[in-house]
Amino acid sequence: MEIDWIVSFPRYGNKGKYCDYSVILMDRKSGAAQLGKCVKLSEILDNPEFEQSYPHTVGYYKGSSGEGAEFRPEYLEIRRVSSVEEFWLFLNAVDI
């Protein structure tokens, strides 16, 4: 069962360690009217729902259509991760 979160990394403005990155989080399960909120990536990784729900399907996308629950990203790469270390490897691989 996927947690169905979309985490968007802004194109500019983040440097240094990934945990300190400001990202946009959209929880697609909470309804179509939900707008993304700006959070630190560390807040997402420390969330019990994220920590206790491995494995996760993560994807790198460019472009999308729809909003909220109808959001349909066009994935360039999709990977299954079973730990936060594998998540870091994914971020490094897509060069975020």
Protein backbone atom coordinates (compact mmCIF):
# COMPACT_ATOMS: atom_id res chain seq x y z
CA MET A 1 0.00 0.00 0.00
CA GLU A 2 1.59 3.25 -1.14
CA ILE A 3 1.49 6.34 1.08
CA ASP A 4 0.81 8.38 -2.08
CA TRP A 5 2.89 11.48 -1.38
CA ILE A 6 4.41 13.66 -4.06
CA VAL A 7 7.62 15.44 -3.00
CA SER A 8 8.81 18.09 -5.43
CA PHE A 9 12.31 19.49 -5.31
CA PRO A 10 12.51 23.13 -6.44
CA ARG A 11 14.80 23.63 -9.40
CA TYR A 12 16.88 26.28 -7.59
CA GLY A 13 17.77 27.32 -4.05
CA ASN A 14 18.80 24.09 -2.32
CA LYS A 15 22.44 23.33 -1.58
CA GLY A 16 24.31 21.17 0.87
CA LYS A 17 22.82 18.11 2.58
CA TYR A 18 19.54 16.70 1.30
CA CYS A 19 17.93 16.71 4.77
CA ASP A 20 18.06 20.52 4.79
CA TYR A 21 16.41 20.86 1.38
CA SER A 22 13.13 22.74 1.18
CA VAL A 23 10.65 20.65 -0.78
CA ILE A 24 6.95 20.78 -1.65
CA LEU A 25 4.87 17.95 -0.15
CA MET A 26 1.50 17.00 -1.57
CA ASP A 27 -0.49 14.22 0.13
CA ARG A 28 -2.75 12.84 -2.60
CA LYS A 29 -4.83 10.79 -0.15
CA SER A 30 -6.09 13.92 1.61
CA GLY A 31 -8.18 15.06 -1.37
CA ALA A 32 -8.05 16.97 -4.61
CA ALA A 33 -8.21 20.39 -2.95
CA GLN A 34 -4.97 19.82 -1.01
CA LEU A 35 -2.22 22.17 -2.11
CA GLY A 36 1.41 21.34 -1.60
CA LYS A 37 3.12 22.72 1.48
CA CYS A 38 6.74 23.72 1.85
CA VAL A 39 8.64 21.54 4.35
CA LYS A 40 12.19 20.36 5.00
CA LEU A 41 13.00 16.96 3.54
CA SER A 42 14.06 15.84 7.04
CA GLU A 43 10.46 16.39 8.26
CA ILE A 44 9.22 13.92 5.65
CA LEU A 45 11.89 11.33 6.43
CA ASP A 46 11.21 11.59 10.18
CA ASN A 47 7.47 11.15 9.72
CA PRO A 48 6.38 7.79 11.22
CA GLU A 49 4.21 7.04 8.17
CA PHE A 50 7.30 7.32 5.95
CA GLU A 51 9.67 5.53 8.35
CA GLN A 52 7.38 2.57 8.99
CA SER A 53 6.08 2.02 5.46
CA TYR A 54 9.11 0.68 3.56
CA PRO A 55 9.50 -0.23 0.78
CA HIS A 56 8.58 2.94 -1.09
CA THR A 57 8.26 3.49 -4.80
CA VAL A 58 10.12 6.66 -5.71
CA GLY A 59 10.19 8.31 -9.09
CA TYR A 60 11.79 11.16 -10.91
CA TYR A 61 9.33 13.01 -13.09
CA LYS A 62 9.39 15.90 -15.48
CA GLY A 63 6.07 17.47 -16.30
CA SER A 64 2.64 16.42 -15.12
CA SER A 65 -1.05 16.81 -15.66
CA GLY A 66 -3.97 17.18 -13.24
CA GLU A 67 -4.09 18.35 -9.64
CA GLY A 68 -4.53 16.70 -6.24
CA ALA A 69 -5.65 13.07 -6.53
CA GLU A 70 -5.75 13.49 -10.34
CA PHE A 71 -2.05 14.51 -10.49
CA ARG A 72 -0.38 12.29 -13.10
CA PRO A 73 3.39 12.80 -13.37
CA GLU A 74 5.33 11.67 -16.43
CA TYR A 75 8.02 9.54 -14.80
CA LEU A 76 11.51 9.37 -16.27
CA GLU A 77 12.74 6.86 -13.71
CA ILE A 78 11.04 4.76 -11.04
CA ARG A 79 12.75 2.75 -8.32
CA ARG A 80 11.79 0.76 -5.22
CA VAL A 81 13.70 1.74 -2.05
CA SER A 82 13.80 -0.24 1.19
CA SER A 83 15.81 2.17 3.36
CA VAL A 84 16.73 5.81 3.66
CA GLU A 85 20.20 4.92 2.37
CA GLU A 86 18.65 3.62 -0.87
CA PHE A 87 16.65 6.84 -1.08
CA TRP A 88 19.90 8.88 -0.89
CA LEU A 89 21.36 6.69 -3.65
CA PHE A 90 18.29 7.39 -5.79
CA LEU A 91 18.62 11.17 -5.26
CA ASN A 92 22.31 10.99 -6.17
CA ALA A 93 21.55 8.89 -9.27
CA VAL A 94 19.04 11.41 -10.64
CA ASP A 95 21.44 14.23 -9.67
CA ILE A 96 19.05 16.36 -7.62
